Amino acid sequence: MPEIIADFSKSFFNYAWQPLTGWTAGFLILIYYAPQIIIADYVWALNCMETRNIVPFPIKAADILNLVWILFGFGTYSLAKGKFTNGNNQ
């Protein structure tokens, strides 16, 4: 019985670490960028309506580009993994 548990734990680690890492990174990106963008949009729109003038957007273009590059990285990794492993999770 202990051999089965040891084999299962080795097997579980081998196939579960990549999805776990991806889901964790995706969740952290979501909780970092989503509130930041929602709050910045709200404050920016409120400020524009109060001053009746369009003010610069509070989030820098570099921050948005960082998000785009992160998403491209996830997509490229998934594409490469599917290309080189022929869709098999090994």
N, C-alpha and C. Protein backbone atom coordinates (compact mmCIF):
# COMPACT_ATOMS: atom_id res chain seq x y z
N MET A 1 0.80 -1.20 0.00
CA MET A 1 0.00 0.00 0.00
C MET A 1 0.85 1.28 0.00
N PRO A 2 1.93 1.36 0.81
CA PRO A 2 2.75 2.56 0.78
C PRO A 2 3.39 2.80 -0.60
N GLU A 3 3.67 1.72 -1.35
CA GLU A 3 4.25 1.90 -2.68
C GLU A 3 3.27 2.61 -3.61
N ILE A 4 1.98 2.28 -3.46
CA ILE A 4 0.96 2.92 -4.30
C ILE A 4 0.89 4.40 -4.00
N ILE A 5 0.94 4.75 -2.73
CA ILE A 5 0.88 6.17 -2.35
C ILE A 5 2.12 6.88 -2.85
N ALA A 6 3.29 6.27 -2.72
CA ALA A 6 4.52 6.89 -3.20
C ALA A 6 4.48 7.06 -4.71
N ASP A 7 4.01 6.04 -5.43
CA ASP A 7 3.90 6.16 -6.88
C ASP A 7 2.90 7.24 -7.27
N PHE A 8 1.78 7.29 -6.56
CA PHE A 8 0.78 8.30 -6.87
C PHE A 8 1.32 9.69 -6.61
N SER A 9 2.05 9.89 -5.53
CA SER A 9 2.55 11.22 -5.21
C SER A 9 3.60 11.66 -6.23
N LYS A 10 4.44 10.73 -6.69
CA LYS A 10 5.41 11.07 -7.74
C LYS A 10 4.69 11.40 -9.03
N SER A 11 3.72 10.59 -9.38
CA SER A 11 2.97 10.80 -10.60
C SER A 11 2.18 12.11 -10.52
N PHE A 12 1.55 12.35 -9.37
CA PHE A 12 0.76 13.57 -9.20
C PHE A 12 1.64 14.79 -9.38
N PHE A 13 2.82 14.79 -8.78
CA PHE A 13 3.71 15.94 -8.92
C PHE A 13 4.12 16.13 -10.38
N ASN A 14 4.42 15.03 -11.08
CA ASN A 14 4.87 15.14 -12.45
C ASN A 14 3.84 15.76 -13.38
N TYR A 15 2.57 15.46 -13.20
CA TYR A 15 1.59 16.02 -14.13
C TYR A 15 0.86 17.23 -13.56
N ALA A 16 0.99 17.54 -12.28
CA ALA A 16 0.19 18.61 -11.68
C ALA A 16 0.95 19.91 -11.46
N TRP A 17 2.26 19.93 -11.50
CA TRP A 17 2.96 21.15 -11.15
C TRP A 17 2.79 22.23 -12.21
N GLN A 18 2.74 21.88 -13.48
CA GLN A 18 2.59 22.91 -14.51
C GLN A 18 1.20 23.55 -14.50
N PRO A 19 0.12 22.79 -14.45
CA PRO A 19 -1.19 23.44 -14.36
C PRO A 19 -1.35 24.26 -13.08
N LEU A 20 -0.81 23.75 -11.97
CA LEU A 20 -0.90 24.48 -10.72
C LEU A 20 -0.17 25.81 -10.82
N THR A 21 1.00 25.80 -11.41
CA THR A 21 1.76 27.03 -11.59
C THR A 21 1.02 28.00 -12.49
N GLY A 22 0.46 27.49 -13.58
CA GLY A 22 -0.28 28.35 -14.50
C GLY A 22 -1.52 28.96 -13.88
N TRP A 23 -2.30 28.15 -13.15
CA TRP A 23 -3.50 28.67 -12.50
C TRP A 23 -3.14 29.67 -11.41
N THR A 24 -2.08 29.42 -10.68
CA THR A 24 -1.65 30.35 -9.64
C THR A 24 -1.22 31.67 -10.24
N ALA A 25 -0.42 31.61 -11.29
CA ALA A 25 0.03 32.84 -11.94
C ALA A 25 -1.16 33.60 -12.53
N GLY A 26 -2.07 32.89 -13.16
CA GLY A 26 -3.25 33.55 -13.73
C GLY A 26 -4.10 34.21 -12.67
N PHE A 27 -4.29 33.53 -11.54
CA PHE A 27 -5.08 34.10 -10.45
C PHE A 27 -4.40 35.34 -9.88
N LEU A 28 -3.09 35.29 -9.70
CA LEU A 28 -2.38 36.44 -9.16
C LEU A 28 -2.41 37.63 -10.11
N ILE A 29 -2.31 37.36 -11.40
CA ILE A 29 -2.42 38.44 -12.38
C ILE A 29 -3.81 39.05 -12.33
N LEU A 30 -4.82 38.19 -12.21
CA LEU A 30 -6.20 38.68 -12.13
C LEU A 30 -6.41 39.56 -10.91
N ILE A 31 -5.94 39.13 -9.74
CA ILE A 31 -6.20 39.94 -8.54
C ILE A 31 -5.29 41.17 -8.48
N TYR A 32 -4.25 41.24 -9.29
CA TYR A 32 -3.42 42.43 -9.33
C TYR A 32 -3.97 43.44 -10.34
N TYR A 33 -4.23 42.99 -11.56
CA TYR A 33 -4.60 43.92 -12.62
C TYR A 33 -6.08 44.30 -12.62
N ALA A 34 -6.97 43.37 -12.34
CA ALA A 34 -8.41 43.66 -12.45
C ALA A 34 -8.84 44.80 -11.51
N PRO A 35 -8.55 44.74 -10.20
CA PRO A 35 -8.96 45.86 -9.35
C PRO A 35 -8.27 47.17 -9.72
N GLN A 36 -7.01 47.07 -10.11
CA GLN A 36 -6.27 48.27 -10.48
C GLN A 36 -6.94 48.97 -11.67
N ILE A 37 -7.31 48.21 -12.68
CA ILE A 37 -7.92 48.80 -13.87
C ILE A 37 -9.33 49.29 -13.57
N ILE A 38 -10.12 48.53 -12.81
CA ILE A 38 -11.48 48.95 -12.49
C ILE A 38 -11.48 50.24 -11.67
N ILE A 39 -10.65 50.28 -10.64
CA ILE A 39 -10.60 51.48 -9.80
C ILE A 39 -10.04 52.67 -10.58
N ALA A 40 -9.01 52.45 -11.37
CA ALA A 40 -8.43 53.54 -12.16
C ALA A 40 -9.44 54.08 -13.17
N ASP A 41 -10.21 53.20 -13.82
CA ASP A 41 -11.24 53.65 -14.75
C ASP A 41 -12.29 54.50 -14.04
N TYR A 42 -12.73 54.04 -12.88
CA TYR A 42 -13.76 54.76 -12.13
C TYR A 42 -13.25 56.14 -11.71
N VAL A 43 -12.07 56.19 -11.12
CA VAL A 43 -11.51 57.47 -10.66
C VAL A 43 -11.26 58.40 -11.84
N TRP A 44 -10.75 57.86 -12.93
CA TRP A 44 -10.47 58.68 -14.11
C TRP A 44 -11.76 59.25 -14.70
N ALA A 45 -12.79 58.41 -14.83
CA ALA A 45 -14.07 58.88 -15.38
C ALA A 45 -14.70 59.92 -14.47
N LEU A 46 -14.65 59.69 -13.18
CA LEU A 46 -15.20 60.65 -12.22
C LEU A 46 -14.47 61.98 -12.30
N ASN A 47 -13.17 61.92 -12.39
CA ASN A 47 -12.36 63.13 -12.51
C ASN A 47 -12.65 63.88 -13.80
N CYS A 48 -12.81 63.14 -14.89
CA CYS A 48 -13.13 63.79 -16.18
C CYS A 48 -14.50 64.46 -16.13
N MET A 49 -15.47 63.81 -15.50
CA MET A 49 -16.81 64.42 -15.41
C MET A 49 -16.83 65.63 -14.49
N GLU A 50 -16.09 65.59 -13.40
CA GLU A 50 -16.08 66.72 -12.47
C GLU A 50 -15.36 67.93 -13.04
N THR A 51 -14.27 67.72 -13.73
CA THR A 51 -13.50 68.84 -14.28
C THR A 51 -13.96 69.24 -15.68
N ARG A 52 -14.81 68.41 -16.28
CA ARG A 52 -15.27 68.62 -17.66
C ARG A 52 -14.08 68.78 -18.62
N ASN A 53 -13.07 68.01 -18.33
CA ASN A 53 -11.86 68.04 -19.13
C ASN A 53 -11.28 66.63 -19.14
N ILE A 54 -10.73 66.20 -20.25
CA ILE A 54 -10.13 64.87 -20.32
C ILE A 54 -8.71 64.97 -19.78
N VAL A 55 -8.49 64.25 -18.69
CA VAL A 55 -7.17 64.24 -18.06
C VAL A 55 -6.45 62.97 -18.48
N PRO A 56 -5.12 62.95 -18.34
CA PRO A 56 -4.38 61.73 -18.72
C PRO A 56 -4.84 60.52 -17.89
N PHE A 57 -4.83 59.38 -18.54
CA PHE A 57 -5.24 58.14 -17.88
C PHE A 57 -4.21 57.76 -16.83
N PRO A 58 -4.65 57.36 -15.62
CA PRO A 58 -3.70 57.14 -14.53
C PRO A 58 -2.80 55.90 -14.67
N ILE A 59 -3.17 54.95 -15.50
CA ILE A 59 -2.32 53.77 -15.67
C ILE A 59 -1.38 54.01 -16.84
N LYS A 60 -0.10 53.78 -16.61
CA LYS A 60 0.89 54.00 -17.66
C LYS A 60 0.78 52.92 -18.74
N ALA A 61 1.16 53.30 -19.94
CA ALA A 61 1.13 52.35 -21.05
C ALA A 61 2.05 51.16 -20.79
N ALA A 62 3.14 51.39 -20.09
CA ALA A 62 4.09 50.31 -19.80
C ALA A 62 3.44 49.23 -18.94
N ASP A 63 2.55 49.62 -18.02
CA ASP A 63 1.86 48.62 -17.19
C ASP A 63 0.94 47.76 -18.02
N ILE A 64 0.23 48.38 -18.95
CA ILE A 64 -0.67 47.62 -19.82
C ILE A 64 0.14 46.71 -20.75
N LEU A 65 1.26 47.21 -21.24
CA LEU A 65 2.12 46.38 -22.10
C LEU A 65 2.70 45.20 -21.32
N ASN A 66 3.01 45.39 -20.04
CA ASN A 66 3.48 44.27 -19.22
C ASN A 66 2.43 43.18 -19.16
N LEU A 67 1.16 43.56 -19.00
CA LEU A 67 0.08 42.58 -18.98
C LEU A 67 -0.01 41.84 -20.31
N VAL A 68 0.10 42.59 -21.41
CA VAL A 68 0.05 41.96 -22.74
C VAL A 68 1.20 40.98 -22.92
N TRP A 69 2.40 41.35 -22.50
CA TRP A 69 3.56 40.46 -22.65
C TRP A 69 3.40 39.22 -21.78
N ILE A 70 2.83 39.38 -20.59
CA ILE A 70 2.59 38.21 -19.73
C ILE A 70 1.62 37.26 -20.41
N LEU A 71 0.54 37.81 -20.99
CA LEU A 71 -0.44 36.95 -21.65
C LEU A 71 0.15 36.29 -22.89
N PHE A 72 0.99 37.01 -23.63
CA PHE A 72 1.67 36.39 -24.78
C PHE A 72 2.58 35.26 -24.31
N GLY A 73 3.23 35.45 -23.16
CA GLY A 73 4.10 34.40 -22.62
C GLY A 73 3.32 33.15 -22.30
N PHE A 74 2.15 33.29 -21.66
CA PHE A 74 1.31 32.13 -21.37
C PHE A 74 0.87 31.44 -22.65
N GLY A 75 0.45 32.23 -23.63
CA GLY A 75 -0.01 31.67 -24.90
C GLY A 75 1.10 30.97 -25.65
N THR A 76 2.28 31.57 -25.67
CA THR A 76 3.41 30.98 -26.38
C THR A 76 3.82 29.67 -25.72
N TYR A 77 3.83 29.65 -24.39
CA TYR A 77 4.19 28.42 -23.68
C TYR A 77 3.19 27.31 -24.01
N SER A 78 1.90 27.63 -23.98
CA SER A 78 0.89 26.61 -24.28
C SER A 78 1.01 26.12 -25.71
N LEU A 79 1.27 27.04 -26.64
CA LEU A 79 1.43 26.67 -28.04
C LEU A 79 2.65 25.77 -28.22
N ALA A 80 3.77 26.15 -27.61
CA ALA A 80 5.00 25.36 -27.74
C ALA A 80 4.83 24.00 -27.09
N LYS A 81 4.17 23.95 -25.95
CA LYS A 81 3.96 22.68 -25.28
C LYS A 81 3.12 21.74 -26.14
N GLY A 82 2.08 22.27 -26.76
CA GLY A 82 1.25 21.45 -27.64
C GLY A 82 1.98 21.04 -28.90
N LYS A 83 2.84 21.90 -29.41
CA LYS A 83 3.57 21.62 -30.65
C LYS A 83 4.63 20.53 -30.42
N PHE A 84 5.37 20.65 -29.31
CA PHE A 84 6.49 19.74 -29.10
C PHE A 84 6.10 18.43 -28.43
N THR A 85 4.96 18.40 -27.76
CA THR A 85 4.55 17.15 -27.12
C THR A 85 3.40 16.48 -27.88
N ASN A 86 3.01 17.06 -29.00
CA ASN A 86 1.92 16.53 -29.82
C ASN A 86 0.62 16.43 -29.02
N GLY A 87 0.43 17.38 -28.10
CA GLY A 87 -0.81 17.40 -27.31
C GLY A 87 -0.83 16.46 -26.14
N ASN A 88 0.22 15.64 -25.96
CA ASN A 88 0.27 14.73 -24.83
C ASN A 88 0.82 15.44 -23.61
N ASN A 89 0.25 15.20 -22.45
CA ASN A 89 0.74 15.78 -21.21
C ASN A 89 1.78 14.86 -20.59
N GLN A 90 2.97 14.90 -21.09
CA GLN A 90 4.04 14.06 -20.55
C GLN A 90 5.19 14.92 -20.11
